[in-house]
Amino acid sequence: MEFELFVSVEEKEKIFYTELVKYGVSYEKAVIAARILASGQPDELLTDEEILIAKEACSKWFLEKKRDQYIKSLIKDLDSINKSSENFPLNT
């Protein structure tokens, strides 16, 4: 059984804006990009400037999100190493 959740354009804008800003996109660019993304319009209906803004914002979001995931993964690995080393204290 399929279930579709309706999300208004305004809510989509808020979600996109929050995510973009969270990962380092400037407030001004995030507002514009969020509006473009939430509209769901195909590239053919957007201006070259709108396409550029959306691509730059999404690229910045993608790179910073991947960076964040990588750092979290490293921290998790270091935590597990530290926990395992607690079981084997060094003789000093």
N, C-alpha and C. Protein backbone atom coordinates (compact mmCIF):
# COMPACT_ATOMS: atom_id res chain seq x y z
N MET A 1 0.84 -1.18 0.00
CA MET A 1 0.00 0.00 0.00
C MET A 1 0.89 1.25 0.00
N GLU A 2 0.62 2.15 -0.94
CA GLU A 2 1.39 3.38 -1.03
C GLU A 2 0.71 4.47 -0.23
N PHE A 3 1.54 5.28 0.39
CA PHE A 3 1.03 6.39 1.18
C PHE A 3 1.81 7.63 0.77
N GLU A 4 1.11 8.68 0.35
CA GLU A 4 1.76 9.91 -0.04
C GLU A 4 1.52 10.96 1.02
N LEU A 5 2.59 11.59 1.43
CA LEU A 5 2.51 12.65 2.43
C LEU A 5 2.54 13.98 1.70
N PHE A 6 1.56 14.82 1.96
CA PHE A 6 1.53 16.14 1.33
C PHE A 6 2.35 17.11 2.17
N VAL A 7 3.29 17.77 1.51
CA VAL A 7 4.09 18.80 2.14
C VAL A 7 3.93 20.06 1.29
N SER A 8 3.51 21.13 1.92
CA SER A 8 3.29 22.37 1.17
C SER A 8 4.62 22.93 0.66
N VAL A 9 4.52 23.79 -0.33
CA VAL A 9 5.71 24.44 -0.89
C VAL A 9 6.42 25.24 0.20
N GLU A 10 5.65 25.88 1.06
CA GLU A 10 6.24 26.68 2.15
C GLU A 10 7.05 25.80 3.10
N GLU A 11 6.49 24.63 3.43
CA GLU A 11 7.22 23.70 4.31
C GLU A 11 8.48 23.18 3.63
N LYS A 12 8.36 22.86 2.35
CA LYS A 12 9.55 22.42 1.60
C LYS A 12 10.62 23.49 1.63
N GLU A 13 10.22 24.75 1.43
CA GLU A 13 11.18 25.86 1.47
C GLU A 13 11.89 25.91 2.82
N LYS A 14 11.14 25.77 3.90
CA LYS A 14 11.72 25.80 5.25
C LYS A 14 12.72 24.65 5.44
N ILE A 15 12.34 23.47 4.96
CA ILE A 15 13.22 22.30 5.10
C ILE A 15 14.51 22.50 4.31
N PHE A 16 14.36 22.91 3.04
CA PHE A 16 15.54 23.15 2.21
C PHE A 16 16.42 24.24 2.82
N TYR A 17 15.80 25.34 3.24
CA TYR A 17 16.55 26.45 3.82
C TYR A 17 17.35 26.00 5.05
N THR A 18 16.69 25.28 5.93
CA THR A 18 17.34 24.81 7.16
C THR A 18 18.55 23.93 6.84
N GLU A 19 18.36 23.00 5.92
CA GLU A 19 19.46 22.10 5.53
C GLU A 19 20.61 22.86 4.88
N LEU A 20 20.29 23.78 4.00
CA LEU A 20 21.34 24.53 3.30
C LEU A 20 22.16 25.36 4.28
N VAL A 21 21.48 26.07 5.18
CA VAL A 21 22.19 26.90 6.16
C VAL A 21 22.99 26.03 7.13
N LYS A 22 22.41 24.91 7.53
CA LYS A 22 23.08 23.99 8.46
C LYS A 22 24.45 23.58 7.94
N TYR A 23 24.57 23.44 6.63
CA TYR A 23 25.82 22.99 6.03
C TYR A 23 26.58 24.11 5.33
N GLY A 24 26.39 25.34 5.78
CA GLY A 24 27.29 26.42 5.40
C GLY A 24 26.91 27.30 4.23
N VAL A 25 25.74 27.12 3.65
CA VAL A 25 25.32 28.01 2.57
C VAL A 25 24.90 29.33 3.20
N SER A 26 25.28 30.45 2.59
CA SER A 26 24.93 31.76 3.15
C SER A 26 23.41 31.92 3.23
N TYR A 27 22.97 32.73 4.18
CA TYR A 27 21.54 32.92 4.39
C TYR A 27 20.85 33.41 3.12
N GLU A 28 21.47 34.40 2.46
CA GLU A 28 20.86 34.98 1.27
C GLU A 28 20.73 33.96 0.15
N LYS A 29 21.79 33.20 -0.09
CA LYS A 29 21.76 32.21 -1.16
C LYS A 29 20.81 31.06 -0.79
N ALA A 30 20.76 30.71 0.49
CA ALA A 30 19.88 29.62 0.94
C ALA A 30 18.42 29.98 0.73
N VAL A 31 18.04 31.23 0.96
CA VAL A 31 16.65 31.65 0.75
C VAL A 31 16.26 31.47 -0.71
N ILE A 32 17.12 31.95 -1.60
CA ILE A 32 16.82 31.86 -3.03
C ILE A 32 16.81 30.41 -3.49
N ALA A 33 17.84 29.66 -3.10
CA ALA A 33 17.94 28.26 -3.53
C ALA A 33 16.78 27.44 -2.98
N ALA A 34 16.40 27.66 -1.74
CA ALA A 34 15.29 26.92 -1.14
C ALA A 34 13.99 27.19 -1.90
N ARG A 35 13.78 28.43 -2.29
CA ARG A 35 12.58 28.78 -3.05
C ARG A 35 12.58 28.06 -4.40
N ILE A 36 13.74 28.05 -5.06
CA ILE A 36 13.86 27.39 -6.37
C ILE A 36 13.62 25.89 -6.23
N LEU A 37 14.29 25.27 -5.26
CA LEU A 37 14.17 23.82 -5.07
C LEU A 37 12.75 23.41 -4.69
N ALA A 38 12.13 24.18 -3.81
CA ALA A 38 10.78 23.84 -3.36
C ALA A 38 9.74 24.00 -4.46
N SER A 39 10.02 24.88 -5.41
CA SER A 39 9.06 25.11 -6.49
C SER A 39 8.92 23.88 -7.38
N GLY A 40 9.99 23.10 -7.49
CA GLY A 40 9.95 21.90 -8.31
C GLY A 40 9.96 22.17 -9.81
N GLN A 41 10.25 23.41 -10.18
CA GLN A 41 10.26 23.76 -11.60
C GLN A 41 11.45 23.11 -12.31
N PRO A 42 11.25 22.67 -13.54
CA PRO A 42 12.37 22.13 -14.31
C PRO A 42 13.33 23.25 -14.72
N ASP A 43 14.57 22.89 -15.01
CA ASP A 43 15.58 23.87 -15.39
C ASP A 43 15.14 24.75 -16.55
N GLU A 44 14.36 24.21 -17.45
CA GLU A 44 13.92 24.96 -18.62
C GLU A 44 13.11 26.20 -18.26
N LEU A 45 12.48 26.18 -17.10
CA LEU A 45 11.66 27.31 -16.67
C LEU A 45 12.41 28.28 -15.76
N LEU A 46 13.67 27.96 -15.46
CA LEU A 46 14.47 28.81 -14.58
C LEU A 46 15.42 29.66 -15.40
N THR A 47 15.79 30.80 -14.83
CA THR A 47 16.81 31.64 -15.49
C THR A 47 18.18 31.03 -15.26
N ASP A 48 19.15 31.45 -16.04
CA ASP A 48 20.52 30.97 -15.87
C ASP A 48 21.03 31.31 -14.47
N GLU A 49 20.67 32.48 -13.97
CA GLU A 49 21.10 32.89 -12.63
C GLU A 49 20.49 31.98 -11.55
N GLU A 50 19.22 31.64 -11.69
CA GLU A 50 18.57 30.75 -10.72
C GLU A 50 19.21 29.37 -10.73
N ILE A 51 19.51 28.87 -11.92
CA ILE A 51 20.17 27.56 -12.03
C ILE A 51 21.53 27.60 -11.36
N LEU A 52 22.28 28.66 -11.60
CA LEU A 52 23.62 28.81 -11.01
C LEU A 52 23.54 28.86 -9.48
N ILE A 53 22.62 29.66 -8.96
CA ILE A 53 22.46 29.78 -7.50
C ILE A 53 22.10 28.43 -6.89
N ALA A 54 21.16 27.73 -7.50
CA ALA A 54 20.74 26.42 -6.97
C ALA A 54 21.88 25.42 -7.03
N LYS A 55 22.62 25.40 -8.13
CA LYS A 55 23.74 24.47 -8.26
C LYS A 55 24.84 24.78 -7.25
N GLU A 56 25.17 26.06 -7.08
CA GLU A 56 26.20 26.43 -6.11
C GLU A 56 25.78 26.06 -4.69
N ALA A 57 24.54 26.35 -4.34
CA ALA A 57 24.04 26.04 -2.99
C ALA A 57 24.04 24.54 -2.75
N CYS A 58 23.58 23.78 -3.72
CA CYS A 58 23.52 22.32 -3.56
C CYS A 58 24.91 21.71 -3.52
N SER A 59 25.83 22.26 -4.29
CA SER A 59 27.21 21.77 -4.28
C SER A 59 27.86 22.01 -2.92
N LYS A 60 27.67 23.22 -2.39
CA LYS A 60 28.21 23.55 -1.07
C LYS A 60 27.60 22.64 -0.01
N TRP A 61 26.28 22.45 -0.07
CA TRP A 61 25.58 21.57 0.88
C TRP A 61 26.15 20.15 0.80
N PHE A 62 26.30 19.63 -0.41
CA PHE A 62 26.77 18.27 -0.60
C PHE A 62 28.18 18.08 -0.03
N LEU A 63 29.09 19.00 -0.36
CA LEU A 63 30.47 18.87 0.11
C LEU A 63 30.56 18.97 1.63
N GLU A 64 29.84 19.91 2.21
CA GLU A 64 29.90 20.09 3.66
C GLU A 64 29.21 18.94 4.40
N LYS A 65 28.15 18.39 3.82
CA LYS A 65 27.48 17.25 4.44
C LYS A 65 28.40 16.03 4.42
N LYS A 66 29.08 15.79 3.29
CA LYS A 66 30.03 14.68 3.20
C LYS A 66 31.17 14.88 4.19
N ARG A 67 31.65 16.10 4.31
CA ARG A 67 32.72 16.41 5.27
C ARG A 67 32.26 16.11 6.69
N ASP A 68 31.05 16.53 7.02
CA ASP A 68 30.49 16.29 8.34
C ASP A 68 30.36 14.79 8.62
N GLN A 69 29.87 14.04 7.63
CA GLN A 69 29.73 12.59 7.79
C GLN A 69 31.10 11.94 8.00
N TYR A 70 32.10 12.39 7.27
CA TYR A 70 33.45 11.85 7.39
C TYR A 70 34.01 12.11 8.79
N ILE A 71 33.84 13.32 9.28
CA ILE A 71 34.33 13.67 10.61
C ILE A 71 33.62 12.85 11.68
N LYS A 72 32.31 12.69 11.55
CA LYS A 72 31.56 11.88 12.51
C LYS A 72 32.02 10.43 12.49
N SER A 73 32.33 9.93 11.31
CA SER A 73 32.83 8.56 11.17
C SER A 73 34.19 8.42 11.86
N LEU A 74 35.06 9.40 11.68
CA LEU A 74 36.37 9.37 12.33
C LEU A 74 36.24 9.39 13.85
N ILE A 75 35.35 10.24 14.33
CA ILE A 75 35.14 10.33 15.78
C ILE A 75 34.62 9.00 16.32
N LYS A 76 33.69 8.39 15.60
CA LYS A 76 33.15 7.09 16.02
C LYS A 76 34.27 6.05 16.06
N ASP A 77 35.13 6.03 15.02
CA ASP A 77 36.24 5.09 14.98
C ASP A 77 37.21 5.33 16.14
N LEU A 78 37.51 6.59 16.41
CA LEU A 78 38.41 6.92 17.51
C LEU A 78 37.82 6.52 18.85
N ASP A 79 36.52 6.73 19.01
CA ASP A 79 35.84 6.33 20.24
C ASP A 79 35.94 4.82 20.44
N SER A 80 35.74 4.06 19.37
CA SER A 80 35.81 2.60 19.51
C SER A 80 37.23 2.15 19.80
N ILE A 81 38.22 2.82 19.23
CA ILE A 81 39.62 2.49 19.52
C ILE A 81 39.93 2.80 20.98
N ASN A 82 39.48 3.95 21.44
CA ASN A 82 39.72 4.33 22.83
C ASN A 82 39.04 3.36 23.80
N LYS A 83 37.84 2.95 23.48
CA LYS A 83 37.13 2.01 24.36
C LYS A 83 37.82 0.66 24.38
N SER A 84 38.31 0.21 23.24
CA SER A 84 38.98 -1.08 23.20
C SER A 84 40.35 -1.02 23.89
N SER A 85 41.00 0.13 23.81
CA SER A 85 42.31 0.25 24.46
C SER A 85 42.19 0.33 25.99
N GLU A 86 41.02 0.68 26.48
CA GLU A 86 40.80 0.72 27.93
C GLU A 86 40.86 -0.69 28.51
N ASN A 87 40.58 -1.68 27.69
CA ASN A 87 40.63 -3.08 28.14
C ASN A 87 42.08 -3.59 28.23
N PHE A 88 42.99 -2.89 27.60
CA PHE A 88 44.40 -3.30 27.58
C PHE A 88 45.29 -2.16 28.05
N PRO A 89 45.32 -1.91 29.38
CA PRO A 89 46.13 -0.79 29.86
C PRO A 89 47.62 -1.05 29.63
N LEU A 90 48.33 0.01 29.36
CA LEU A 90 49.77 -0.10 29.14
C LEU A 90 50.47 -0.13 30.50
N ASN A 91 51.54 -0.88 30.58
CA ASN A 91 52.35 -0.90 31.80
C ASN A 91 53.26 0.31 31.78
N THR A 92 53.16 1.12 32.81
CA THR A 92 54.02 2.31 32.88
C THR A 92 54.85 2.30 34.11
